[in-house]
Protein backbone atom coordinates (compact mmCIF):
# COMPACT_ATOMS: atom_id res chain seq x y z
CA MET A 1 -40.51 32.90 -46.84
CA LYS A 2 -40.85 30.23 -44.25
CA ARG A 3 -39.36 30.79 -40.91
CA GLN A 4 -37.00 28.23 -39.73
CA GLY A 5 -37.51 26.58 -36.32
CA GLY A 6 -34.74 26.10 -33.89
CA PHE A 7 -33.14 27.18 -30.59
CA THR A 8 -31.82 30.65 -29.95
CA LEU A 9 -28.45 31.25 -28.54
CA ILE A 10 -30.07 32.33 -25.20
CA GLU A 11 -32.04 29.14 -24.87
CA LEU A 12 -28.82 27.06 -25.51
CA VAL A 13 -26.88 29.12 -22.90
CA VAL A 14 -29.75 28.48 -20.40
CA VAL A 15 -29.64 24.79 -20.99
CA ILE A 16 -25.95 24.63 -20.61
CA VAL A 17 -26.07 26.55 -17.34
CA ILE A 18 -28.70 24.29 -15.95
CA LEU A 19 -26.71 21.20 -16.88
CA GLY A 20 -23.65 22.75 -15.28
CA ILE A 21 -25.50 23.31 -12.00
CA LEU A 22 -26.83 19.69 -12.11
CA ALA A 23 -23.29 18.49 -12.66
CA VAL A 24 -21.80 20.32 -9.75
CA THR A 25 -24.46 19.05 -7.41
CA ALA A 26 -24.31 15.50 -8.54
CA ALA A 27 -20.47 15.14 -9.00
CA PRO A 28 -19.62 14.90 -5.12
CA LYS A 29 -22.07 11.97 -4.91
CA PHE A 30 -20.16 10.11 -7.63
CA MET A 31 -16.65 11.13 -6.40
CA ASN A 32 -17.22 9.28 -3.17
CA LEU A 33 -17.36 5.78 -4.79
CA GLN A 34 -13.98 4.77 -3.61
CA ASN A 35 -14.90 5.49 -0.14
CA ASP A 36 -18.13 3.55 -0.44
CA ALA A 37 -16.27 0.62 -2.14
CA ARG A 38 -13.70 0.43 0.68
CA LYS A 39 -16.43 0.52 3.34
CA ALA A 40 -18.23 -2.31 1.55
CA SER A 41 -14.97 -4.29 1.38
CA LEU A 42 -14.48 -3.84 5.24
CA GLU A 43 -18.06 -5.21 5.55
CA GLY A 44 -17.17 -8.18 3.63
CA LEU A 45 -14.02 -8.76 5.66
CA LYS A 46 -16.03 -8.49 8.86
CA GLY A 47 -18.44 -11.13 7.64
CA SER A 48 -15.47 -13.37 6.67
CA ILE A 49 -14.00 -13.01 10.11
CA GLN A 50 -17.32 -13.60 11.84
CA GLY A 51 -17.82 -16.69 9.79
CA ALA A 52 -14.41 -18.05 10.31
CA ALA A 53 -14.79 -17.43 14.16
CA GLY A 54 -18.04 -19.16 14.26
CA ILE A 55 -16.72 -22.26 12.44
CA VAL A 56 -13.70 -22.42 14.82
CA TYR A 57 -16.05 -22.11 17.81
CA GLY A 58 -18.24 -24.94 16.43
CA LYS A 59 -15.10 -27.13 16.05
CA ALA A 60 -13.94 -26.20 19.57
CA ALA A 61 -17.45 -27.08 20.91
CA ILE A 62 -17.19 -30.55 19.18
CA LYS A 63 -13.88 -31.08 20.85
CA GLY A 64 -15.22 -29.85 24.17
CA ILE A 65 -12.66 -27.02 24.60
CA GLU A 66 -15.01 -23.98 24.15
CA SER A 67 -14.73 -23.09 27.81
CA THR A 68 -10.90 -23.13 28.04
CA ALA A 69 -8.82 -20.11 28.16
CA ALA A 70 -5.76 -19.55 25.68
CA ASP A 71 -3.16 -19.71 28.40
CA THR A 72 -3.32 -23.45 28.11
CA ASP A 73 -2.38 -23.36 24.51
CA VAL A 74 -5.58 -24.77 23.18
CA LYS A 75 -5.76 -25.23 19.40
CA VAL A 76 -8.31 -26.31 16.81
CA GLY A 77 -6.29 -27.53 13.97
CA ASP A 78 -3.53 -24.84 13.53
CA ILE A 79 -5.67 -22.12 15.06
CA THR A 80 -5.08 -21.05 18.70
CA THR A 81 -8.33 -20.41 20.57
CA ASN A 82 -9.39 -18.49 23.69
CA TYR A 83 -12.86 -19.74 25.10
CA GLY A 84 -13.32 -21.45 21.69
CA TYR A 85 -12.91 -18.47 19.49
CA PRO A 86 -9.68 -17.64 17.63
CA THR A 87 -7.13 -15.58 19.41
CA ALA A 88 -6.50 -11.98 18.19
CA ASN A 89 -3.17 -12.80 16.51
CA THR A 90 -1.57 -14.51 13.58
CA ALA A 91 -1.79 -17.94 15.24
CA GLY A 92 -5.41 -17.37 15.73
CA ILE A 93 -7.75 -15.12 13.55
CA VAL A 94 -5.25 -14.80 10.66
CA ASN A 95 -4.98 -18.57 10.34
CA ALA A 96 -8.73 -18.90 10.61
CA VAL A 97 -9.53 -16.47 7.82
CA SER A 98 -8.53 -17.82 4.50
CA GLY A 99 -6.73 -15.26 2.37
CA LEU A 100 -6.14 -12.61 5.14
CA GLU A 101 -2.44 -13.17 5.17
CA THR A 102 -1.97 -14.40 1.68
CA ASP A 103 -3.64 -11.16 0.16
CA SER A 104 -0.88 -9.19 1.53
CA GLN A 105 -1.13 -6.74 -1.45
CA ASP A 106 -4.50 -5.77 -0.20
CA TRP A 107 -4.68 -6.13 3.67
CA VAL A 108 -2.40 -5.34 6.48
CA GLY A 109 -3.03 -6.20 10.18
CA ALA A 110 -1.64 -6.22 13.62
CA THR A 111 -2.36 -7.21 17.18
CA THR A 112 -2.85 -4.44 19.71
CA THR A 113 -0.55 -3.95 22.66
CA ASP A 114 -2.94 -5.60 25.14
CA LYS A 115 -2.97 -8.72 22.79
CA ALA A 116 -6.89 -8.86 22.89
CA ASP A 117 -7.61 -7.08 19.58
CA TYR A 118 -6.47 -7.61 15.99
CA VAL A 119 -7.09 -4.65 13.47
CA VAL A 120 -6.95 -4.91 9.73
CA THR A 121 -7.02 -2.26 7.05
CA PHE A 122 -6.14 -1.58 3.33
CA LYS A 123 -2.28 -1.62 2.90
CA SER A 124 -2.62 1.44 0.71
CA LEU A 125 -3.96 3.57 3.64
CA VAL A 126 -0.94 2.81 5.97
CA LYS A 127 2.25 4.65 5.30
CA ALA A 128 4.50 2.56 7.59
CA ALA A 129 6.57 -0.33 6.22
CA ALA A 130 5.82 -2.44 9.20
CA PRO A 131 2.58 -0.95 10.50
CA THR A 132 1.46 -1.33 14.17
CA ALA A 133 -2.00 -1.45 15.47
CA ALA A 134 -1.78 2.27 16.34
CA ASP A 135 -0.79 3.02 12.66
CA ILE A 136 -3.89 1.05 11.46
CA THR A 137 -6.33 2.59 13.99
CA ALA A 138 -4.97 5.98 12.95
CA THR A 139 -6.46 5.51 9.49
CA LYS A 140 -10.06 5.29 11.15
CA CYS A 141 -10.92 2.81 8.38
CA TYR A 142 -10.33 -0.83 9.68
CA VAL A 143 -12.08 -3.86 10.99
CA GLU A 144 -11.41 -4.83 14.69
CA TYR A 145 -11.65 -8.39 15.98
CA LYS A 146 -11.77 -8.67 19.78
CA GLN A 147 -11.21 -12.19 21.16
CA ALA A 148 -13.40 -13.83 23.58
CA THR A 149 -12.62 -12.81 27.17
CA SER A 150 -14.68 -15.39 29.05
CA VAL A 151 -17.17 -18.20 28.56
CA SER A 152 -19.99 -15.73 28.37
CA ALA A 153 -18.27 -12.91 26.39
CA ALA A 154 -17.96 -14.17 22.87
CA ALA A 155 -15.50 -12.71 20.27
CA THR A 156 -16.73 -9.64 18.44
CA THR A 157 -16.05 -7.89 15.13
CA LYS A 158 -16.83 -4.39 14.10
CA VAL A 159 -16.04 -1.95 11.19
CA VAL A 160 -14.69 1.44 11.99
CA ALA A 161 -15.13 3.67 9.05
CA ASP A 162 -15.53 7.30 10.11
CA GLY A 163 -16.90 9.72 7.53
CA ASN A 164 -14.64 9.85 4.50
CA SER A 165 -11.70 8.26 6.24
CA CYS A 166 -11.51 5.40 3.74
CA LYS A 167 -10.24 7.52 0.71
């Protein structure tokens, strides 16, 4: 009689155990996809804000108003500026970035109490109905736009995404 080839029960169990160990070690890497996707979205928003601020500054330079402070109500189109860059509010950076206010299902933003920063995050991360800048920064997953403070201090944009805070 010919002996049939195949796997024994022990060999199958060992293979299943090895696959289980691999799955347990690899699963957390794949579970972090939402966090990575949100961080990438924030980086994209940062780029949009920087691009819009650069365009506004270029238009302000053409008009010769890039060295004028916001207290004189300087505008480039419908965008208020401070030293040529959009101000950190709805009349400034929100008007400059196309879609920031119209995509209200995705983004929520607010000006900080000192009126020099504008912060934006995902609407789903903030629990308050009318979130303040403090509510947004408490998520530790946001984009922060700082308006220009002088002729030599340009506007800056940064992403704050600490650890797994963007889940």
